Each structure stands twice: as structure tokens, then as C-alpha cells.
């Protein structure tokens, strides 16, 4: 959904994953990061920062998650423009 610019559906799916069994473990950290990205894209910076902070609090660094969250705390996520 995120790749399709369907941000509301994507956000709902990430929230649903946070309400699940969080298995595999990295589900939690990456759901928060991706929710943060959605909030940045949609101009909701305060909510994005909150999600990135949640991601950092998990202390899960699967696939560089901690660096990713810290990066977007400093500078809002921006979607790359497609040339298609």
C-alpha cells in the first residue's frame, strides 16, 4: 500500500501489525519507522517524530533500523520522485 501511495491503508496495516503477536520481532521497529514515513509524507511531522522515537525505544537494530529511525528524526522522510 505504501508503494502505491495508499497511505491510509498502509498505516492501517502497520497499526494492525503492532496489535498482533509482533512475530518476527523486527515487525515492531519497522512498523513504527514506516508509520513515521507515512506521517512525514502526509505533513504530520509531530506524529512522525513520535513513531521514530517508538522505533528507537525498541532497541531493535534489524537491518539498520536504529540508524534509519535516527536519520528521520533529524530530517523528515521524503518520498523519492518517480520519473515514470
PDB file of N, CA and C in Angstrom:
ATOM      1  N   UNK A   1       0.821  -1.199   0.000  1.00  0.00           N
ATOM      2  CA  UNK A   1       0.000   0.000   0.000  1.00  0.00           C
ATOM      3  C   UNK A   1       0.864   1.262   0.000  1.00  0.00           C
ATOM      4  N   UNK A   2       1.957   1.215   0.752  1.00  0.00           N
ATOM      5  CA  UNK A   2       2.832   2.384   0.817  1.00  0.00           C
ATOM      6  C   UNK A   2       3.408   2.690  -0.552  1.00  0.00           C
ATOM      7  N   UNK A   3       3.848   1.676  -1.255  1.00  0.00           N
ATOM      8  CA  UNK A   3       4.416   1.873  -2.590  1.00  0.00           C
ATOM      9  C   UNK A   3       3.376   2.360  -3.588  1.00  0.00           C
ATOM     10  N   UNK A   4       2.116   2.099  -3.297  1.00  0.00           N
ATOM     11  CA  UNK A   4       1.024   2.515  -4.181  1.00  0.00           C
ATOM     12  C   UNK A   4       0.462   3.887  -3.787  1.00  0.00           C
ATOM     13  N   UNK A   5       1.128   4.556  -2.857  1.00  0.00           N
ATOM     14  CA  UNK A   5       0.668   5.853  -2.348  1.00  0.00           C
ATOM     15  C   UNK A   5      -0.688   5.772  -1.655  1.00  0.00           C
ATOM     16  N   UNK A   6      -1.056   4.591  -1.205  1.00  0.00           N
ATOM     17  CA  UNK A   6      -2.300   4.409  -0.460  1.00  0.00           C
ATOM     18  C   UNK A   6      -1.945   4.473   1.027  1.00  0.00           C
ATOM     19  N   UNK A   7      -1.710   5.701   1.511  1.00  0.00           N
ATOM     20  CA  UNK A   7      -1.147   5.892   2.838  1.00  0.00           C
ATOM     21  C   UNK A   7      -2.072   5.460   3.964  1.00  0.00           C
ATOM     22  N   UNK A   8      -3.360   5.698   3.832  1.00  0.00           N
ATOM     23  CA  UNK A   8      -4.283   5.314   4.898  1.00  0.00           C
ATOM     24  C   UNK A   8      -4.315   3.799   5.075  1.00  0.00           C
ATOM     25  N   UNK A   9      -4.405   3.066   3.970  1.00  0.00           N
ATOM     26  CA  UNK A   9      -4.415   1.602   4.063  1.00  0.00           C
ATOM     27  C   UNK A   9      -3.089   1.083   4.597  1.00  0.00           C
ATOM     28  N   UNK A  10      -1.992   1.694   4.156  1.00  0.00           N
ATOM     29  CA  UNK A  10      -0.676   1.281   4.644  1.00  0.00           C
ATOM     30  C   UNK A  10      -0.581   1.514   6.147  1.00  0.00           C
ATOM     31  N   UNK A  11      -0.999   2.688   6.604  1.00  0.00           N
ATOM     32  CA  UNK A  11      -0.952   2.992   8.035  1.00  0.00           C
ATOM     33  C   UNK A  11      -1.803   2.004   8.824  1.00  0.00           C
ATOM     34  N   UNK A  12      -2.974   1.678   8.310  1.00  0.00           N
ATOM     35  CA  UNK A  12      -3.840   0.705   8.985  1.00  0.00           C
ATOM     36  C   UNK A  12      -3.159  -0.648   9.104  1.00  0.00           C
ATOM     37  N   UNK A  13      -2.481  -1.083   8.055  1.00  0.00           N
ATOM     38  CA  UNK A  13      -1.786  -2.376   8.083  1.00  0.00           C
ATOM     39  C   UNK A  13      -0.633  -2.363   9.087  1.00  0.00           C
ATOM     40  N   UNK A  14       0.131  -1.269   9.127  1.00  0.00           N
ATOM     41  CA  UNK A  14       1.231  -1.186  10.091  1.00  0.00           C
ATOM     42  C   UNK A  14       0.698  -1.167  11.513  1.00  0.00           C
ATOM     43  N   UNK A  15      -0.400  -0.442  11.755  1.00  0.00           N
ATOM     44  CA  UNK A  15      -1.003  -0.430  13.098  1.00  0.00           C
ATOM     45  C   UNK A  15      -1.503  -1.823  13.476  1.00  0.00           C
ATOM     46  N   UNK A  16      -2.107  -2.499  12.514  1.00  0.00           N
ATOM     47  CA  UNK A  16      -2.604  -3.852  12.778  1.00  0.00           C
ATOM     48  C   UNK A  16      -1.456  -4.781  13.148  1.00  0.00           C
ATOM     49  N   UNK A  17      -0.320  -4.636  12.466  1.00  0.00           N
ATOM     50  CA  UNK A  17       0.825  -5.491  12.785  1.00  0.00           C
ATOM     51  C   UNK A  17       1.329  -5.210  14.200  1.00  0.00           C
ATOM     52  N   UNK A  18       1.235  -3.962  14.653  1.00  0.00           N
ATOM     53  CA  UNK A  18       1.649  -3.630  16.019  1.00  0.00           C
ATOM     54  C   UNK A  18       0.700  -4.224  17.054  1.00  0.00           C
ATOM     55  N   UNK A  19      -0.535  -4.474  16.665  1.00  0.00           N
ATOM     56  CA  UNK A  19      -1.508  -5.077  17.575  1.00  0.00           C
ATOM     57  C   UNK A  19      -1.474  -6.598  17.537  1.00  0.00           C
ATOM     58  N   UNK A  20      -0.630  -7.153  16.666  1.00  0.00           N
ATOM     59  CA  UNK A  20      -0.524  -8.604  16.544  1.00  0.00           C
ATOM     60  C   UNK A  20       0.486  -9.172  17.532  1.00  0.00           C
ATOM     61  N   UNK A  21       1.052 -10.325  17.177  1.00  0.00           N
ATOM     62  CA  UNK A  21       1.975 -11.006  18.088  1.00  0.00           C
ATOM     63  C   UNK A  21       3.418 -10.514  17.965  1.00  0.00           C
ATOM     64  N   UNK A  22       3.662  -9.535  17.079  1.00  0.00           N
ATOM     65  CA  UNK A  22       4.993  -8.956  16.875  1.00  0.00           C
ATOM     66  C   UNK A  22       6.033 -10.025  16.554  1.00  0.00           C
ATOM     67  N   UNK A  23       5.609 -10.992  15.788  1.00  0.00           N
ATOM     68  CA  UNK A  23       6.500 -12.063  15.364  1.00  0.00           C
ATOM     69  C   UNK A  23       6.561 -12.063  13.849  1.00  0.00           C
ATOM     70  N   UNK A  24       7.692 -11.895  13.250  1.00  0.00           N
ATOM     71  CA  UNK A  24       9.026 -11.817  13.835  1.00  0.00           C
ATOM     72  C   UNK A  24       9.238 -10.517  14.609  1.00  0.00           C
ATOM     73  N   UNK A  25      10.233 -10.533  15.473  1.00  0.00           N
ATOM     74  CA  UNK A  25      10.497  -9.424  16.395  1.00  0.00           C
ATOM     75  C   UNK A  25      10.650  -8.081  15.697  1.00  0.00           C
ATOM     76  N   UNK A  26      11.298  -8.073  14.533  1.00  0.00           N
ATOM     77  CA  UNK A  26      11.551  -6.804  13.828  1.00  0.00           C
ATOM     78  C   UNK A  26      10.283  -6.127  13.331  1.00  0.00           C
ATOM     79  N   UNK A  27       9.175  -6.808  13.386  1.00  0.00           N
ATOM     80  CA  UNK A  27       7.906  -6.223  12.947  1.00  0.00           C
ATOM     81  C   UNK A  27       7.634  -4.908  13.671  1.00  0.00           C
ATOM     82  N   UNK A  28       7.900  -4.879  14.962  1.00  0.00           N
ATOM     83  CA  UNK A  28       7.587  -3.687  15.757  1.00  0.00           C
ATOM     84  C   UNK A  28       8.405  -2.478  15.315  1.00  0.00           C
ATOM     85  N   UNK A  29       9.721  -2.622  15.258  1.00  0.00           N
ATOM     86  CA  UNK A  29      10.566  -1.471  14.926  1.00  0.00           C
ATOM     87  C   UNK A  29      10.260  -0.934  13.537  1.00  0.00           C
ATOM     88  N   UNK A  30      10.093  -1.842  12.566  1.00  0.00           N
ATOM     89  CA  UNK A  30       9.864  -1.380  11.197  1.00  0.00           C
ATOM     90  C   UNK A  30       8.451  -0.848  10.984  1.00  0.00           C
ATOM     91  N   UNK A  31       7.484  -1.339  11.740  1.00  0.00           N
ATOM     92  CA  UNK A  31       6.134  -0.768  11.654  1.00  0.00           C
ATOM     93  C   UNK A  31       6.160   0.683  12.123  1.00  0.00           C
ATOM     94  N   UNK A  32       6.888   0.950  13.209  1.00  0.00           N
ATOM     95  CA  UNK A  32       6.988   2.331  13.698  1.00  0.00           C
ATOM     96  C   UNK A  32       7.712   3.219  12.691  1.00  0.00           C
ATOM     97  N   UNK A  33       8.789   2.724  12.107  1.00  0.00           N
ATOM     98  CA  UNK A  33       9.523   3.522  11.119  1.00  0.00           C
ATOM     99  C   UNK A  33       8.640   3.821   9.914  1.00  0.00           C
ATOM    100  N   UNK A  34       7.950   2.824   9.427  1.00  0.00           N
ATOM    101  CA  UNK A  34       7.101   3.041   8.253  1.00  0.00           C
ATOM    102  C   UNK A  34       5.908   3.942   8.558  1.00  0.00           C
ATOM    103  N   UNK A  35       5.352   3.837   9.753  1.00  0.00           N
ATOM    104  CA  UNK A  35       4.300   4.784  10.147  1.00  0.00           C
ATOM    105  C   UNK A  35       4.870   6.201  10.184  1.00  0.00           C
ATOM    106  N   UNK A  36       6.077   6.333  10.700  1.00  0.00           N
ATOM    107  CA  UNK A  36       6.722   7.640  10.715  1.00  0.00           C
ATOM    108  C   UNK A  36       6.878   8.207   9.321  1.00  0.00           C
ATOM    109  N   UNK A  37       7.279   7.362   8.387  1.00  0.00           N
ATOM    110  CA  UNK A  37       7.433   7.809   6.996  1.00  0.00           C
ATOM    111  C   UNK A  37       6.096   8.287   6.431  1.00  0.00           C
ATOM    112  N   UNK A  38       5.040   7.543   6.699  1.00  0.00           N
ATOM    113  CA  UNK A  38       3.709   7.930   6.214  1.00  0.00           C
ATOM    114  C   UNK A  38       3.321   9.289   6.793  1.00  0.00           C
ATOM    115  N   UNK A  39       3.555   9.472   8.086  1.00  0.00           N
ATOM    116  CA  UNK A  39       3.207  10.753   8.707  1.00  0.00           C
ATOM    117  C   UNK A  39       4.044  11.889   8.131  1.00  0.00           C
ATOM    118  N   UNK A  40       5.329  11.632   7.844  1.00  0.00           N
ATOM    119  CA  UNK A  40       6.145  12.670   7.207  1.00  0.00           C
ATOM    120  C   UNK A  40       5.606  13.019   5.822  1.00  0.00           C
ATOM    121  N   UNK A  41       5.289  12.013   5.036  1.00  0.00           N
ATOM    122  CA  UNK A  41       4.786  12.237   3.676  1.00  0.00           C
ATOM    123  C   UNK A  41       3.499  13.058   3.697  1.00  0.00           C
ATOM    124  N   UNK A  42       2.674  12.813   4.707  1.00  0.00           N
ATOM    125  CA  UNK A  42       1.370  13.480   4.774  1.00  0.00           C
ATOM    126  C   UNK A  42       1.400  14.751   5.630  1.00  0.00           C
ATOM    127  N   UNK A  43       2.594  15.242   5.934  1.00  0.00           N
ATOM    128  CA  UNK A  43       2.730  16.517   6.620  1.00  0.00           C
ATOM    129  C   UNK A  43       2.403  16.508   8.100  1.00  0.00           C
ATOM    130  N   UNK A  44       2.507  15.351   8.732  1.00  0.00           N
ATOM    131  CA  UNK A  44       2.210  15.229  10.162  1.00  0.00           C
ATOM    132  C   UNK A  44       3.506  14.953  10.926  1.00  0.00           C
ATOM    133  N   UNK A  45       4.399  15.937  10.924  1.00  0.00           N
ATOM    134  CA  UNK A  45       5.743  15.760  11.473  1.00  0.00           C
ATOM    135  C   UNK A  45       5.738  15.345  12.941  1.00  0.00           C
ATOM    136  N   UNK A  46       4.892  15.926  13.772  1.00  0.00           N
ATOM    137  CA  UNK A  46       4.867  15.565  15.194  1.00  0.00           C
ATOM    138  C   UNK A  46       4.572  14.083  15.381  1.00  0.00           C
ATOM    139  N   UNK A  47       3.627  13.584  14.624  1.00  0.00           N
ATOM    140  CA  UNK A  47       3.282  12.157  14.718  1.00  0.00           C
ATOM    141  C   UNK A  47       4.419  11.295  14.184  1.00  0.00           C
ATOM    142  N   UNK A  48       5.096  11.769  13.138  1.00  0.00           N
ATOM    143  CA  UNK A  48       6.237  11.035  12.583  1.00  0.00           C
ATOM    144  C   UNK A  48       7.342  10.914  13.629  1.00  0.00           C
ATOM    145  N   UNK A  49       7.673  12.024  14.270  1.00  0.00           N
ATOM    146  CA  UNK A  49       8.721  12.023  15.298  1.00  0.00           C
ATOM    147  C   UNK A  49       8.359  11.055  16.417  1.00  0.00           C
ATOM    148  N   UNK A  50       7.104  11.023  16.816  1.00  0.00           N
ATOM    149  CA  UNK A  50       6.652  10.095  17.843  1.00  0.00           C
ATOM    150  C   UNK A  50       6.911   8.646  17.422  1.00  0.00           C
ATOM    151  N   UNK A  51       6.615   8.316  16.174  1.00  0.00           N
ATOM    152  CA  UNK A  51       6.829   6.942  15.695  1.00  0.00           C
ATOM    153  C   UNK A  51       8.317   6.596  15.628  1.00  0.00           C
ATOM    154  N   UNK A  52       9.148   7.530  15.167  1.00  0.00           N
ATOM    155  CA  UNK A  52      10.594   7.268  15.129  1.00  0.00           C
ATOM    156  C   UNK A  52      11.136   7.060  16.543  1.00  0.00           C
ATOM    157  N   UNK A  53      10.636   7.826  17.504  1.00  0.00           N
ATOM    158  CA  UNK A  53      11.059   7.628  18.896  1.00  0.00           C
ATOM    159  C   UNK A  53      10.620   6.268  19.424  1.00  0.00           C
ATOM    160  N   UNK A  54       9.415   5.835  19.061  1.00  0.00           N
ATOM    161  CA  UNK A  54       8.966   4.483  19.440  1.00  0.00           C
ATOM    162  C   UNK A  54       9.918   3.441  18.861  1.00  0.00           C
ATOM    163  N   UNK A  55      10.308   3.621  17.617  1.00  0.00           N
ATOM    164  CA  UNK A  55      11.227   2.678  16.970  1.00  0.00           C
ATOM    165  C   UNK A  55      12.550   2.612  17.725  1.00  0.00           C
ATOM    166  N   UNK A  56      13.079   3.752  18.108  1.00  0.00           N
ATOM    167  CA  UNK A  56      14.350   3.784  18.837  1.00  0.00           C
ATOM    168  C   UNK A  56      14.215   3.101  20.193  1.00  0.00           C
ATOM    169  N   UNK A  57      13.081   3.293  20.853  1.00  0.00           N
ATOM    170  CA  UNK A  57      12.874   2.666  22.165  1.00  0.00           C
ATOM    171  C   UNK A  57      12.818   1.142  22.098  1.00  0.00           C
ATOM    172  N   UNK A  58      12.532   0.574  20.938  1.00  0.00           N
ATOM    173  CA  UNK A  58      12.521  -0.892  20.843  1.00  0.00           C
ATOM    174  C   UNK A  58      13.924  -1.467  20.972  1.00  0.00           C
ATOM    175  N   UNK A  59      14.943  -0.661  20.638  1.00  0.00           N
ATOM    176  CA  UNK A  59      16.355  -1.080  20.644  1.00  0.00           C
ATOM    177  C   UNK A  59      16.629  -2.202  19.655  1.00  0.00           C
ATOM    178  N   UNK A  60      15.718  -2.471  18.771  1.00  0.00           N
ATOM    179  CA  UNK A  60      15.900  -3.492  17.732  1.00  0.00           C
ATOM    180  C   UNK A  60      16.606  -2.835  16.548  1.00  0.00           C
ATOM    181  N   UNK A  61      17.754  -3.392  16.183  1.00  0.00           N
ATOM    182  CA  UNK A  61      18.524  -2.801  15.088  1.00  0.00           C
ATOM    183  C   UNK A  61      18.538  -3.701  13.853  1.00  0.00           C
ATOM    184  N   UNK A  62      17.510  -4.482  13.659  1.00  0.00           N
ATOM    185  CA  UNK A  62      17.415  -5.341  12.483  1.00  0.00           C
ATOM    186  C   UNK A  62      17.498  -4.502  11.218  1.00  0.00           C
ATOM    187  N   UNK A  63      18.415  -4.886  10.328  1.00  0.00           N
ATOM    188  CA  UNK A  63      18.595  -4.197   9.038  1.00  0.00           C
ATOM    189  C   UNK A  63      18.854  -2.697   9.194  1.00  0.00           C
ATOM    190  N   UNK A  64      19.557  -2.311  10.268  1.00  0.00           N
ATOM    191  CA  UNK A  64      19.898  -0.904  10.449  1.00  0.00           C
ATOM    192  C   UNK A  64      18.743  -0.020  10.879  1.00  0.00           C
ATOM    193  N   UNK A  65      17.764  -0.603  11.552  1.00  0.00           N
ATOM    194  CA  UNK A  65      16.557   0.137  11.929  1.00  0.00           C
ATOM    195  C   UNK A  65      16.857   1.346  12.809  1.00  0.00           C
ATOM    196  N   UNK A  66      17.791   1.207  13.735  1.00  0.00           N
ATOM    197  CA  UNK A  66      18.073   2.321  14.644  1.00  0.00           C
ATOM    198  C   UNK A  66      18.652   3.525  13.903  1.00  0.00           C
ATOM    199  N   UNK A  67      19.547   3.263  12.966  1.00  0.00           N
ATOM    200  CA  UNK A  67      20.120   4.351  12.170  1.00  0.00           C
ATOM    201  C   UNK A  67      19.056   5.001  11.291  1.00  0.00           C
ATOM    202  N   UNK A  68      18.177   4.183  10.751  1.00  0.00           N
ATOM    203  CA  UNK A  68      17.095   4.700   9.904  1.00  0.00           C
ATOM    204  C   UNK A  68      16.180   5.624  10.710  1.00  0.00           C
ATOM    205  N   UNK A  69      15.795   5.181  11.892  1.00  0.00           N
ATOM    206  CA  UNK A  69      14.923   5.999  12.737  1.00  0.00           C
ATOM    207  C   UNK A  69      15.624   7.297  13.139  1.00  0.00           C
ATOM    208  N   UNK A  70      16.887   7.208  13.515  1.00  0.00           N
ATOM    209  CA  UNK A  70      17.643   8.405  13.917  1.00  0.00           C
ATOM    210  C   UNK A  70      17.783   9.382  12.754  1.00  0.00           C
ATOM    211  N   UNK A  71      17.989   8.853  11.570  1.00  0.00           N
ATOM    212  CA  UNK A  71      18.120   9.690  10.367  1.00  0.00           C
ATOM    213  C   UNK A  71      16.863  10.530  10.149  1.00  0.00           C
ATOM    214  N   UNK A  72      15.701   9.894  10.280  1.00  0.00           N
ATOM    215  CA  UNK A  72      14.456  10.608  10.020  1.00  0.00           C
ATOM    216  C   UNK A  72      13.991  11.450  11.204  1.00  0.00           C
ATOM    217  N   UNK A  73      14.572  11.236  12.375  1.00  0.00           N
ATOM    218  CA  UNK A  73      14.328  12.170  13.472  1.00  0.00           C
ATOM    219  C   UNK A  73      14.986  13.511  13.161  1.00  0.00           C
ATOM    220  N   UNK A  74      16.158  13.443  12.539  1.00  0.00           N
ATOM    221  CA  UNK A  74      16.908  14.663  12.211  1.00  0.00           C
ATOM    222  C   UNK A  74      16.327  15.387  11.008  1.00  0.00           C
ATOM    223  N   UNK A  75      15.904  14.613  10.025  1.00  0.00           N
ATOM    224  CA  UNK A  75      15.397  15.199   8.781  1.00  0.00           C
ATOM    225  C   UNK A  75      14.197  14.390   8.302  1.00  0.00           C
ATOM    226  N   UNK A  76      13.073  15.037   8.038  1.00  0.00           N
ATOM    227  CA  UNK A  76      11.867  14.315   7.626  1.00  0.00           C
ATOM    228  C   UNK A  76      12.095  13.437   6.391  1.00  0.00           C
ATOM    229  N   UNK A  77      11.415  12.313   6.389  1.00  0.00           N
ATOM    230  CA  UNK A  77      11.443  11.418   5.234  1.00  0.00           C
ATOM    231  C   UNK A  77      10.764  12.107   4.061  1.00  0.00           C
ATOM    232  N   UNK A  78      11.379  11.981   2.899  1.00  0.00           N
ATOM    233  CA  UNK A  78      10.774  12.477   1.664  1.00  0.00           C
ATOM    234  C   UNK A  78      10.762  11.351   0.654  1.00  0.00           C
ATOM    235  N   UNK A  79       9.632  11.165   0.053  1.00  0.00           N
ATOM    236  CA  UNK A  79       9.475  10.126  -0.961  1.00  0.00           C
ATOM    237  C   UNK A  79      10.230  10.529  -2.214  1.00  0.00           C
ATOM    238  N   UNK A  80      11.022   9.609  -2.751  1.00  0.00           N
ATOM    239  CA  UNK A  80      11.728   9.887  -3.996  1.00  0.00           C
ATOM    240  C   UNK A  80      10.724  10.004  -5.126  1.00  0.00           C
ATOM    241  N   UNK A  81      10.933  10.968  -5.960  1.00  0.00           N
ATOM    242  CA  UNK A  81      10.046  11.182  -7.113  1.00  0.00           C
ATOM    243  C   UNK A  81      10.354  10.160  -8.199  1.00  0.00           C
ATOM    244  N   UNK A  82       9.310   9.617  -8.770  1.00  0.00           N
ATOM    245  CA  UNK A  82       9.458   8.663  -9.870  1.00  0.00           C
ATOM    246  C   UNK A  82       9.475   9.412 -11.194  1.00  0.00           C
ATOM    247  N   UNK A  83      10.297   8.953 -12.106  1.00  0.00           N
ATOM    248  CA  UNK A  83      10.373   9.568 -13.433  1.00  0.00           C
ATOM    249  C   UNK A  83       9.451   8.884 -14.427  1.00  0.00           C
ATOM    250  N   UNK A  84       8.626   7.994 -13.941  1.00  0.00           N
ATOM    251  CA  UNK A  84       7.744   7.229 -14.826  1.00  0.00           C
ATOM    252  C   UNK A  84       6.508   8.019 -15.143  1.00  0.00           C
TER     253      UNK A  84
END
